[in-house]
Amino acid sequence: MRWLILLAVLPAYGEGERARVVMTETRGGVIIEDLVYRNSFKEYDSAYRVCPVKRAGVAAVLFAHWLEPTHSTSNRTQFLDEAIGLAGKGVCSLLVSTMWAGPDWFRQRDPSKDRIATTRQVTRLKDAVDFLLETPGVDGMRVGCVGHDFGGMAGAVLAGRERRVSCWGIQAATPRWHEWYLLGRKLEGEAREKVVGEMRDMDPIVAIAQARGVFFLQFGSEDPYVPNARVEEFFAAVPGEKRVQYYEAGHGLNAAAGRERAVWMTACLGLR
């Protein structure tokens, strides 16, 4: 079944309605819900929730997708197959739509609002954890988070303040926001330093140094956006138990990375 992405908020919500399921599909012992839920800004975010049909004490994983406007998975569908596989092992997953899900977001955004938009997005990921943990049958002591590219950067910032998540999978993330927010902008001198400075205190490499949990970082050896030197710098800032793995791939990584991440998450969450 090909899933359609919800592009607009449905009308006529009930006052303060927490969530609404738009469409449901069952595949074997897995239920996939296309839904919207209310965040802390009193807005509605769209997501897929993927869970075992029969659940009690299941683990939970939040997925945040990448930004690649030319690719069909530059949205909440990116990790859908991975979430379905994990559901078969006893995991409820939430795959969220982010501010960069739109194909023209990067080009059309207002750069002067990058900081506030990024801050709001990280808060929305925290809201997603809240909503995921409200799912009946979820064990709040076994929680993971996976993020790729912009999703990995936002996940790293969330890791600096979110203590309910214990397993963090980050892919193809660069350590500083300006390294991508300045792409395509010809700024020099004070103008460039202003952009660098206004994001510095919330850079992923700064936030992740305050994190707790177990980390698995994955990168492509042929990634034109994240050179090895930045990977090594980022990895060095991660505290505690950690692992980094390179793949013969570009920024989108490859199937081997997905398989290895699923194996790692299974072990980290204590699944069978």
C-alpha atoms as a PDB file:
ATOM      1  CA  MET A   1       0.000   0.000   0.000  1.00  0.00           C
ATOM      2  CA  ARG A   2       1.344   3.426  -0.925  1.00  0.00           C
ATOM      3  CA  TRP A   3       0.805   5.973   1.853  1.00  0.00           C
ATOM      4  CA  LEU A   4      -0.197   9.546   1.122  1.00  0.00           C
ATOM      5  CA  ILE A   5       1.367  12.271   3.245  1.00  0.00           C
ATOM      6  CA  LEU A   6      -1.049  14.563   5.054  1.00  0.00           C
ATOM      7  CA  LEU A   7      -0.188  18.023   3.744  1.00  0.00           C
ATOM      8  CA  ALA A   8      -2.806  20.110   5.524  1.00  0.00           C
ATOM      9  CA  VAL A   9      -4.372  20.138   8.956  1.00  0.00           C
ATOM     10  CA  LEU A  10      -7.843  18.670   8.927  1.00  0.00           C
ATOM     11  CA  PRO A  11     -10.650  21.086   9.835  1.00  0.00           C
ATOM     12  CA  ALA A  12     -13.084  20.968  12.735  1.00  0.00           C
ATOM     13  CA  TYR A  13     -10.979  19.648  15.570  1.00  0.00           C
ATOM     14  CA  GLY A  14     -12.690  19.322  18.904  1.00  0.00           C
ATOM     15  CA  GLU A  15     -11.612  21.887  21.481  1.00  0.00           C
ATOM     16  CA  GLY A  16      -8.280  20.689  22.887  1.00  0.00           C
ATOM     17  CA  GLU A  17      -8.499  17.380  20.996  1.00  0.00           C
ATOM     18  CA  ARG A  18      -5.234  15.504  21.651  1.00  0.00           C
ATOM     19  CA  ALA A  19      -5.060  13.407  18.498  1.00  0.00           C
ATOM     20  CA  ARG A  20      -7.024  12.138  15.534  1.00  0.00           C
ATOM     21  CA  VAL A  21      -6.324   9.024  13.485  1.00  0.00           C
ATOM     22  CA  VAL A  22      -6.770   9.757   9.775  1.00  0.00           C
ATOM     23  CA  MET A  23      -6.167   6.287   8.361  1.00  0.00           C
ATOM     24  CA  THR A  24      -5.226   2.854   9.705  1.00  0.00           C
ATOM     25  CA  GLU A  25      -3.644  -0.172   8.077  1.00  0.00           C
ATOM     26  CA  THR A  26      -2.841  -3.552   9.619  1.00  0.00           C
ATOM     27  CA  ARG A  27      -0.004  -5.670   8.257  1.00  0.00           C
ATOM     28  CA  GLY A  28       0.144  -9.006   9.979  1.00  0.00           C
ATOM     29  CA  GLY A  29       0.635  -8.218  13.648  1.00  0.00           C
ATOM     30  CA  VAL A  30       1.519  -4.554  13.035  1.00  0.00           C
ATOM     31  CA  ILE A  31      -0.865  -1.589  13.021  1.00  0.00           C
ATOM     32  CA  ILE A  32       0.093   1.605  11.161  1.00  0.00           C
ATOM     33  CA  GLU A  33      -1.800   4.762  12.053  1.00  0.00           C
ATOM     34  CA  ASP A  34      -1.636   7.952   9.987  1.00  0.00           C
ATOM     35  CA  LEU A  35      -2.538  10.595  12.548  1.00  0.00           C
ATOM     36  CA  VAL A  36      -2.229  14.153  13.788  1.00  0.00           C
ATOM     37  CA  TYR A  37      -1.578  15.150  17.401  1.00  0.00           C
ATOM     38  CA  ARG A  38      -1.624  18.407  19.334  1.00  0.00           C
ATOM     39  CA  ASN A  39       1.771  19.843  20.315  1.00  0.00           C
ATOM     40  CA  SER A  40       2.702  22.334  23.027  1.00  0.00           C
ATOM     41  CA  PHE A  41       2.194  25.234  20.598  1.00  0.00           C
ATOM     42  CA  LYS A  42      -1.477  24.172  20.318  1.00  0.00           C
ATOM     43  CA  GLU A  43      -0.860  23.186  16.705  1.00  0.00           C
ATOM     44  CA  TYR A  44      -1.229  19.781  15.097  1.00  0.00           C
ATOM     45  CA  ASP A  45       1.720  17.754  13.830  1.00  0.00           C
ATOM     46  CA  SER A  46       1.286  14.810  11.485  1.00  0.00           C
ATOM     47  CA  ALA A  47       2.948  11.465  12.103  1.00  0.00           C
ATOM     48  CA  TYR A  48       2.790   7.733  11.592  1.00  0.00           C
ATOM     49  CA  ARG A  49       2.458   5.609  14.715  1.00  0.00           C
ATOM     50  CA  VAL A  50       3.552   2.028  14.134  1.00  0.00           C
ATOM     51  CA  CYS A  51       2.897  -0.527  16.886  1.00  0.00           C
ATOM     52  CA  PRO A  52       2.332  -4.232  17.469  1.00  0.00           C
ATOM     53  CA  VAL A  53      -1.387  -5.020  17.441  1.00  0.00           C
ATOM     54  CA  LYS A  54      -0.909  -6.855  20.721  1.00  0.00           C
ATOM     55  CA  ARG A  55       1.205  -4.807  23.080  1.00  0.00           C
ATOM     56  CA  ALA A  56       2.031  -4.603  26.748  1.00  0.00           C
ATOM     57  CA  GLY A  57       5.301  -3.216  28.016  1.00  0.00           C
ATOM     58  CA  VAL A  58       6.628  -2.515  24.502  1.00  0.00           C
ATOM     59  CA  ALA A  59       9.596  -0.243  23.827  1.00  0.00           C
ATOM     60  CA  ALA A  60       9.297   3.085  21.970  1.00  0.00           C
ATOM     61  CA  VAL A  61      11.304   4.827  19.230  1.00  0.00           C
ATOM     62  CA  LEU A  62      10.950   8.339  17.796  1.00  0.00           C
ATOM     63  CA  PHE A  63      12.111   8.835  14.190  1.00  0.00           C
ATOM     64  CA  ALA A  64      13.052  12.223  12.636  1.00  0.00           C
ATOM     65  CA  HIS A  65      13.608  12.215   8.882  1.00  0.00           C
ATOM     66  CA  TRP A  66      16.248  13.866   6.718  1.00  0.00           C
ATOM     67  CA  LEU A  67      16.180  16.795   4.267  1.00  0.00           C
ATOM     68  CA  GLU A  68      16.719  15.840   0.637  1.00  0.00           C
ATOM     69  CA  PRO A  69      14.079  17.611  -1.478  1.00  0.00           C
ATOM     70  CA  THR A  70      14.776  15.517  -4.578  1.00  0.00           C
ATOM     71  CA  HIS A  71      14.249  12.235  -2.725  1.00  0.00           C
ATOM     72  CA  SER A  72      10.846  10.632  -2.107  1.00  0.00           C
ATOM     73  CA  THR A  73      11.766   9.858   1.530  1.00  0.00           C
ATOM     74  CA  SER A  74      12.467  13.445   2.565  1.00  0.00           C
ATOM     75  CA  ASN A  75       9.482  13.218   4.903  1.00  0.00           C
ATOM     76  CA  ARG A  76       8.012  10.984   7.598  1.00  0.00           C
ATOM     77  CA  THR A  77       7.926   7.963   5.293  1.00  0.00           C
ATOM     78  CA  GLN A  78      11.723   7.610   5.484  1.00  0.00           C
ATOM     79  CA  PHE A  79      11.886   5.124   8.356  1.00  0.00           C
ATOM     80  CA  LEU A  80       8.487   3.471   7.840  1.00  0.00           C
ATOM     81  CA  ASP A  81       9.842   0.066   6.805  1.00  0.00           C
ATOM     82  CA  GLU A  82      12.325   0.165   9.699  1.00  0.00           C
ATOM     83  CA  ALA A  83       9.535   0.949  12.156  1.00  0.00           C
ATOM     84  CA  ILE A  84       7.427  -1.911  10.824  1.00  0.00           C
ATOM     85  CA  GLY A  85      10.353  -4.274  11.344  1.00  0.00           C
ATOM     86  CA  LEU A  86      10.854  -3.053  14.901  1.00  0.00           C
ATOM     87  CA  ALA A  87       7.150  -3.417  15.650  1.00  0.00           C
ATOM     88  CA  GLY A  88       7.546  -7.113  14.997  1.00  0.00           C
ATOM     89  CA  LYS A  89      10.083  -7.171  17.833  1.00  0.00           C
ATOM     90  CA  GLY A  90       7.925  -5.260  20.289  1.00  0.00           C
ATOM     91  CA  VAL A  91       8.361  -1.536  19.541  1.00  0.00           C
ATOM     92  CA  CYS A  92       5.889   1.326  19.105  1.00  0.00           C
ATOM     93  CA  SER A  93       7.381   4.019  16.855  1.00  0.00           C
ATOM     94  CA  LEU A  94       6.360   7.575  16.037  1.00  0.00           C
ATOM     95  CA  LEU A  95       7.575   8.945  12.693  1.00  0.00           C
ATOM     96  CA  VAL A  96       7.065  12.703  12.737  1.00  0.00           C
ATOM     97  CA  SER A  97       6.786  15.319  10.038  1.00  0.00           C
ATOM     98  CA  THR A  98       9.178  18.248  10.535  1.00  0.00           C
ATOM     99  CA  MET A  99       9.487  21.821   9.344  1.00  0.00           C
ATOM    100  CA  TRP A 100      11.860  20.667   6.565  1.00  0.00           C
ATOM    101  CA  ALA A 101       9.395  18.143   5.120  1.00  0.00           C
ATOM    102  CA  GLY A 102       8.216  20.532   2.404  1.00  0.00           C
ATOM    103  CA  PRO A 103      10.197  20.294  -0.869  1.00  0.00           C
ATOM    104  CA  ASP A 104      10.825  24.059  -0.970  1.00  0.00           C
ATOM    105  CA  TRP A 105      11.356  24.661   2.749  1.00  0.00           C
ATOM    106  CA  PHE A 106      15.101  25.353   2.639  1.00  0.00           C
ATOM    107  CA  ARG A 107      14.873  27.781  -0.271  1.00  0.00           C
ATOM    108  CA  GLN A 108      11.753  29.582   0.917  1.00  0.00           C
ATOM    109  CA  ARG A 109      12.490  29.842   4.643  1.00  0.00           C
ATOM    110  CA  ASP A 110      13.323  33.201   6.279  1.00  0.00           C
ATOM    111  CA  PRO A 111      16.993  32.886   7.389  1.00  0.00           C
ATOM    112  CA  SER A 112      16.480  35.603  10.001  1.00  0.00           C
ATOM    113  CA  LYS A 113      14.151  33.189  11.803  1.00  0.00           C
ATOM    114  CA  ASP A 114      16.419  30.119  11.686  1.00  0.00           C
ATOM    115  CA  ARG A 115      17.129  30.180  15.409  1.00  0.00           C
ATOM    116  CA  ILE A 116      13.529  30.472  16.562  1.00  0.00           C
ATOM    117  CA  ALA A 117      12.362  27.906  13.994  1.00  0.00           C
ATOM    118  CA  THR A 118      15.062  25.458  15.088  1.00  0.00           C
ATOM    119  CA  THR A 119      14.205  25.969  18.749  1.00  0.00           C
ATOM    120  CA  ARG A 120      10.537  25.325  18.030  1.00  0.00           C
ATOM    121  CA  GLN A 121      11.369  22.187  16.077  1.00  0.00           C
ATOM    122  CA  VAL A 122      13.387  20.722  18.936  1.00  0.00           C
ATOM    123  CA  THR A 123      10.465  21.478  21.254  1.00  0.00           C
ATOM    124  CA  ARG A 124       8.163  19.701  18.820  1.00  0.00           C
ATOM    125  CA  LEU A 125      10.399  16.625  19.027  1.00  0.00           C
ATOM    126  CA  LYS A 126      10.101  16.745  22.814  1.00  0.00           C
ATOM    127  CA  ASP A 127       6.325  16.982  22.348  1.00  0.00           C
ATOM    128  CA  ALA A 128       6.553  13.921  20.090  1.00  0.00           C
ATOM    129  CA  VAL A 129       8.263  11.979  22.876  1.00  0.00           C
ATOM    130  CA  ASP A 130       5.454  13.058  25.218  1.00  0.00           C
ATOM    131  CA  PHE A 131       2.811  11.834  22.783  1.00  0.00           C
ATOM    132  CA  LEU A 132       4.599   8.572  22.027  1.00  0.00           C
ATOM    133  CA  LEU A 133       4.900   7.741  25.715  1.00  0.00           C
ATOM    134  CA  GLU A 134       1.151   8.282  26.135  1.00  0.00           C
ATOM    135  CA  THR A 135       0.551   5.306  23.832  1.00  0.00           C
ATOM    136  CA  PRO A 136      -1.117   2.524  25.841  1.00  0.00           C
ATOM    137  CA  GLY A 137       1.240  -0.370  26.516  1.00  0.00           C
ATOM    138  CA  VAL A 138       4.485   1.587  26.052  1.00  0.00           C
ATOM    139  CA  ASP A 139       7.291   1.039  28.561  1.00  0.00           C
ATOM    140  CA  GLY A 140       8.654   4.498  29.365  1.00  0.00           C
ATOM    141  CA  MET A 141      11.933   3.001  30.575  1.00  0.00           C
ATOM    142  CA  ARG A 142      12.894   1.721  27.111  1.00  0.00           C
ATOM    143  CA  VAL A 143      12.915   4.607  24.664  1.00  0.00           C
ATOM    144  CA  GLY A 144      15.050   5.328  21.591  1.00  0.00           C
ATOM    145  CA  CYS A 145      15.404   8.154  19.073  1.00  0.00           C
ATOM    146  CA  VAL A 146      16.689   8.018  15.492  1.00  0.00           C
ATOM    147  CA  GLY A 147      17.438  11.050  13.322  1.00  0.00           C
ATOM    148  CA  HIS A 148      19.076  11.569   9.932  1.00  0.00           C
ATOM    149  CA  ASP A 149      20.637  14.796   8.611  1.00  0.00           C
ATOM    150  CA  PHE A 150      18.563  17.716   9.997  1.00  0.00           C
ATOM    151  CA  GLY A 151      16.662  15.112  12.004  1.00  0.00           C
ATOM    152  CA  GLY A 152      19.937  13.931  13.513  1.00  0.00           C
ATOM    153  CA  MET A 153      21.008  17.471  14.375  1.00  0.00           C
ATOM    154  CA  ALA A 154      17.690  18.244  16.066  1.00  0.00           C
ATOM    155  CA  GLY A 155      17.919  14.874  17.805  1.00  0.00           C
ATOM    156  CA  ALA A 156      21.378  15.743  19.122  1.00  0.00           C
ATOM    157  CA  VAL A 157      20.052  18.998  20.578  1.00  0.00           C
ATOM    158  CA  LEU A 158      17.139  17.128  22.123  1.00  0.00           C
ATOM    159  CA  ALA A 159      19.602  14.637  23.629  1.00  0.00           C
ATOM    160  CA  GLY A 160      21.165  17.434  25.639  1.00  0.00           C
ATOM    161  CA  ARG A 161      17.947  17.965  27.584  1.00  0.00           C
ATOM    162  CA  GLU A 162      15.798  14.811  27.221  1.00  0.00           C
ATOM    163  CA  ARG A 163      16.423  12.200  29.930  1.00  0.00           C
ATOM    164  CA  ARG A 164      13.660   9.747  29.055  1.00  0.00           C
ATOM    165  CA  VAL A 165      15.451   8.551  25.910  1.00  0.00           C
ATOM    166  CA  SER A 166      18.307   6.109  26.473  1.00  0.00           C
ATOM    167  CA  CYS A 167      19.228   4.966  22.930  1.00  0.00           C
ATOM    168  CA  TRP A 168      20.242   7.602  20.379  1.00  0.00           C
ATOM    169  CA  GLY A 169      20.868   6.799  16.703  1.00  0.00           C
ATOM    170  CA  ILE A 170      22.219   9.747  14.696  1.00  0.00           C
ATOM    171  CA  GLN A 171      23.048   9.663  10.983  1.00  0.00           C
ATOM    172  CA  ALA A 172      24.843  12.093   8.673  1.00  0.00           C
ATOM    173  CA  ALA A 173      24.507  15.055  11.024  1.00  0.00           C
ATOM    174  CA  THR A 174      26.908  17.965  10.926  1.00  0.00           C
ATOM    175  CA  PRO A 175      27.972  19.399  14.311  1.00  0.00           C
ATOM    176  CA  ARG A 176      26.969  23.043  13.778  1.00  0.00           C
ATOM    177  CA  TRP A 177      23.796  24.576  12.398  1.00  0.00           C
ATOM    178  CA  HIS A 178      25.534  27.295  10.395  1.00  0.00           C
ATOM    179  CA  GLU A 179      27.316  24.680   8.296  1.00  0.00           C
ATOM    180  CA  TRP A 180      24.002  24.032   6.572  1.00  0.00           C
ATOM    181  CA  TYR A 181      22.061  27.217   7.203  1.00  0.00           C
ATOM    182  CA  LEU A 182      24.762  29.131   5.338  1.00  0.00           C
ATOM    183  CA  LEU A 183      24.625  26.874   2.269  1.00  0.00           C
ATOM    184  CA  GLY A 184      23.911  29.011  -0.782  1.00  0.00           C
ATOM    185  CA  ARG A 185      24.310  32.284   1.125  1.00  0.00           C
ATOM    186  CA  LYS A 186      27.266  34.479   0.179  1.00  0.00           C
ATOM    187  CA  LEU A 187      27.957  36.089   3.543  1.00  0.00           C
ATOM    188  CA  GLU A 188      31.357  37.289   4.704  1.00  0.00           C
ATOM    189  CA  GLY A 189      32.873  39.055   7.678  1.00  0.00           C
ATOM    190  CA  GLU A 190      30.505  40.338  10.335  1.00  0.00           C
ATOM    191  CA  ALA A 191      27.404  39.182   8.486  1.00  0.00           C
ATOM    192  CA  ARG A 192      28.648  35.601   8.436  1.00  0.00           C
ATOM    193  CA  GLU A 193      29.865  35.701  12.034  1.00  0.00           C
ATOM    194  CA  LYS A 194      26.441  36.956  13.136  1.00  0.00           C
ATOM    195  CA  VAL A 195      24.807  33.803  11.746  1.00  0.00           C
ATOM    196  CA  VAL A 196      27.468  31.589  13.301  1.00  0.00           C
ATOM    197  CA  GLY A 197      27.209  33.331  16.672  1.00  0.00           C
ATOM    198  CA  GLU A 198      23.436  33.391  16.999  1.00  0.00           C
ATOM    199  CA  MET A 199      23.265  29.593  16.650  1.00  0.00           C
ATOM    200  CA  ARG A 200      26.434  28.673  18.555  1.00  0.00           C
ATOM    201  CA  ASP A 201      24.940  27.963  21.974  1.00  0.00           C
ATOM    202  CA  MET A 202      22.432  25.490  20.518  1.00  0.00           C
ATOM    203  CA  ASP A 203      24.749  23.737  18.077  1.00  0.00           C
ATOM    204  CA  PRO A 204      24.440  19.927  18.150  1.00  0.00           C
ATOM    205  CA  ILE A 205      28.067  19.546  19.228  1.00  0.00           C
ATOM    206  CA  VAL A 206      27.418  21.803  22.229  1.00  0.00           C
ATOM    207  CA  ALA A 207      24.126  20.200  23.246  1.00  0.00           C
ATOM    208  CA  ILE A 208      25.223  16.601  22.870  1.00  0.00           C
ATOM    209  CA  ALA A 209      28.025  17.102  25.386  1.00  0.00           C
ATOM    210  CA  GLN A 210      25.281  17.305  28.060  1.00  0.00           C
ATOM    211  CA  ALA A 211      23.504  14.157  26.898  1.00  0.00           C
ATOM    212  CA  ARG A 212      23.002  10.832  28.618  1.00  0.00           C
ATOM    213  CA  GLY A 213      22.441   7.410  27.127  1.00  0.00           C
ATOM    214  CA  VAL A 214      23.993   5.152  24.506  1.00  0.00           C
ATOM    215  CA  PHE A 215      24.903   6.574  21.099  1.00  0.00           C
ATOM    216  CA  PHE A 216      25.341   5.039  17.646  1.00  0.00           C
ATOM    217  CA  LEU A 217      26.554   7.505  15.000  1.00  0.00           C
ATOM    218  CA  GLN A 218      26.504   6.539  11.299  1.00  0.00           C
ATOM    219  CA  PHE A 219      28.133   8.392   8.417  1.00  0.00           C
ATOM    220  CA  GLY A 220      28.907   7.918   4.741  1.00  0.00           C
ATOM    221  CA  SER A 221      32.570   7.864   3.723  1.00  0.00           C
ATOM    222  CA  GLU A 222      31.562   9.624   0.479  1.00  0.00           C
ATOM    223  CA  ASP A 223      29.323  12.257   2.080  1.00  0.00           C
ATOM    224  CA  PRO A 224      30.085  15.646   0.455  1.00  0.00           C
ATOM    225  CA  TYR A 225      28.401  17.561   3.289  1.00  0.00           C
ATOM    226  CA  VAL A 226      29.953  15.958   6.373  1.00  0.00           C
ATOM    227  CA  PRO A 227      33.704  15.313   5.981  1.00  0.00           C
ATOM    228  CA  ASN A 228      35.517  12.910   8.275  1.00  0.00           C
ATOM    229  CA  ALA A 229      37.105  15.719  10.289  1.00  0.00           C
ATOM    230  CA  ARG A 230      33.667  16.936  11.390  1.00  0.00           C
ATOM    231  CA  VAL A 231      32.552  13.413  12.190  1.00  0.00           C
ATOM    232  CA  GLU A 232      35.565  12.907  14.442  1.00  0.00           C
ATOM    233  CA  GLU A 233      34.972  16.238  16.172  1.00  0.00           C
ATOM    234  CA  PHE A 234      31.289  15.449  16.694  1.00  0.00           C
ATOM    235  CA  PHE A 235      31.999  11.937  17.968  1.00  0.00           C
ATOM    236  CA  ALA A 236      34.596  13.234  20.430  1.00  0.00           C
ATOM    237  CA  ALA A 237      31.962  15.492  22.023  1.00  0.00           C
ATOM    238  CA  VAL A 238      29.560  12.611  22.717  1.00  0.00           C
ATOM    239  CA  PRO A 239      29.808  11.479  26.354  1.00  0.00           C
ATOM    240  CA  GLY A 240      29.470   7.976  27.735  1.00  0.00           C
ATOM    241  CA  GLU A 241      28.927   4.784  25.743  1.00  0.00           C
ATOM    242  CA  LYS A 242      29.208   5.452  22.030  1.00  0.00           C
ATOM    243  CA  ARG A 243      30.033   3.967  18.673  1.00  0.00           C
ATOM    244  CA  VAL A 244      30.655   5.418  15.209  1.00  0.00           C
ATOM    245  CA  GLN A 245      30.439   3.542  11.913  1.00  0.00           C
ATOM    246  CA  TYR A 246      31.292   4.595   8.356  1.00  0.00           C
ATOM    247  CA  TYR A 247      29.652   3.142   5.242  1.00  0.00           C
ATOM    248  CA  GLU A 248      30.660   3.239   1.593  1.00  0.00           C
ATOM    249  CA  ALA A 249      27.843   5.640   0.822  1.00  0.00           C
ATOM    250  CA  GLY A 250      26.923   9.270   0.421  1.00  0.00           C
ATOM    251  CA  HIS A 251      24.758  11.503   2.577  1.00  0.00           C
ATOM    252  CA  GLY A 252      21.765   9.180   2.284  1.00  0.00           C
ATOM    253  CA  LEU A 253      23.754   6.213   3.634  1.00  0.00           C
ATOM    254  CA  ASN A 254      22.667   2.750   2.427  1.00  0.00           C
ATOM    255  CA  ALA A 255      20.687  -0.374   3.254  1.00  0.00           C
ATOM    256  CA  ALA A 256      23.547  -1.801   5.316  1.00  0.00           C
ATOM    257  CA  ALA A 257      23.350   1.187   7.647  1.00  0.00           C
ATOM    258  CA  GLY A 258      19.648   0.586   8.177  1.00  0.00           C
ATOM    259  CA  ARG A 259      20.126  -3.093   8.928  1.00  0.00           C
ATOM    260  CA  GLU A 260      22.948  -2.420  11.364  1.00  0.00           C
ATOM    261  CA  ARG A 261      20.979   0.339  13.082  1.00  0.00           C
ATOM    262  CA  ALA A 262      18.006  -2.000  13.576  1.00  0.00           C
ATOM    263  CA  VAL A 263      20.271  -4.626  15.131  1.00  0.00           C
ATOM    264  CA  TRP A 264      21.841  -2.016  17.403  1.00  0.00           C
ATOM    265  CA  MET A 265      18.480  -0.591  18.488  1.00  0.00           C
ATOM    266  CA  THR A 266      17.167  -4.087  19.184  1.00  0.00           C
ATOM    267  CA  ALA A 267      20.082  -4.727  21.545  1.00  0.00           C
ATOM    268  CA  CYS A 268      20.020  -1.263  23.125  1.00  0.00           C
ATOM    269  CA  LEU A 269      16.335  -1.542  24.003  1.00  0.00           C
ATOM    270  CA  GLY A 270      16.697  -5.104  25.275  1.00  0.00           C
ATOM    271  CA  LEU A 271      14.455  -6.643  22.610  1.00  0.00           C
ATOM    272  CA  ARG A 272      14.450 -10.263  21.551  1.00  0.00           C
END
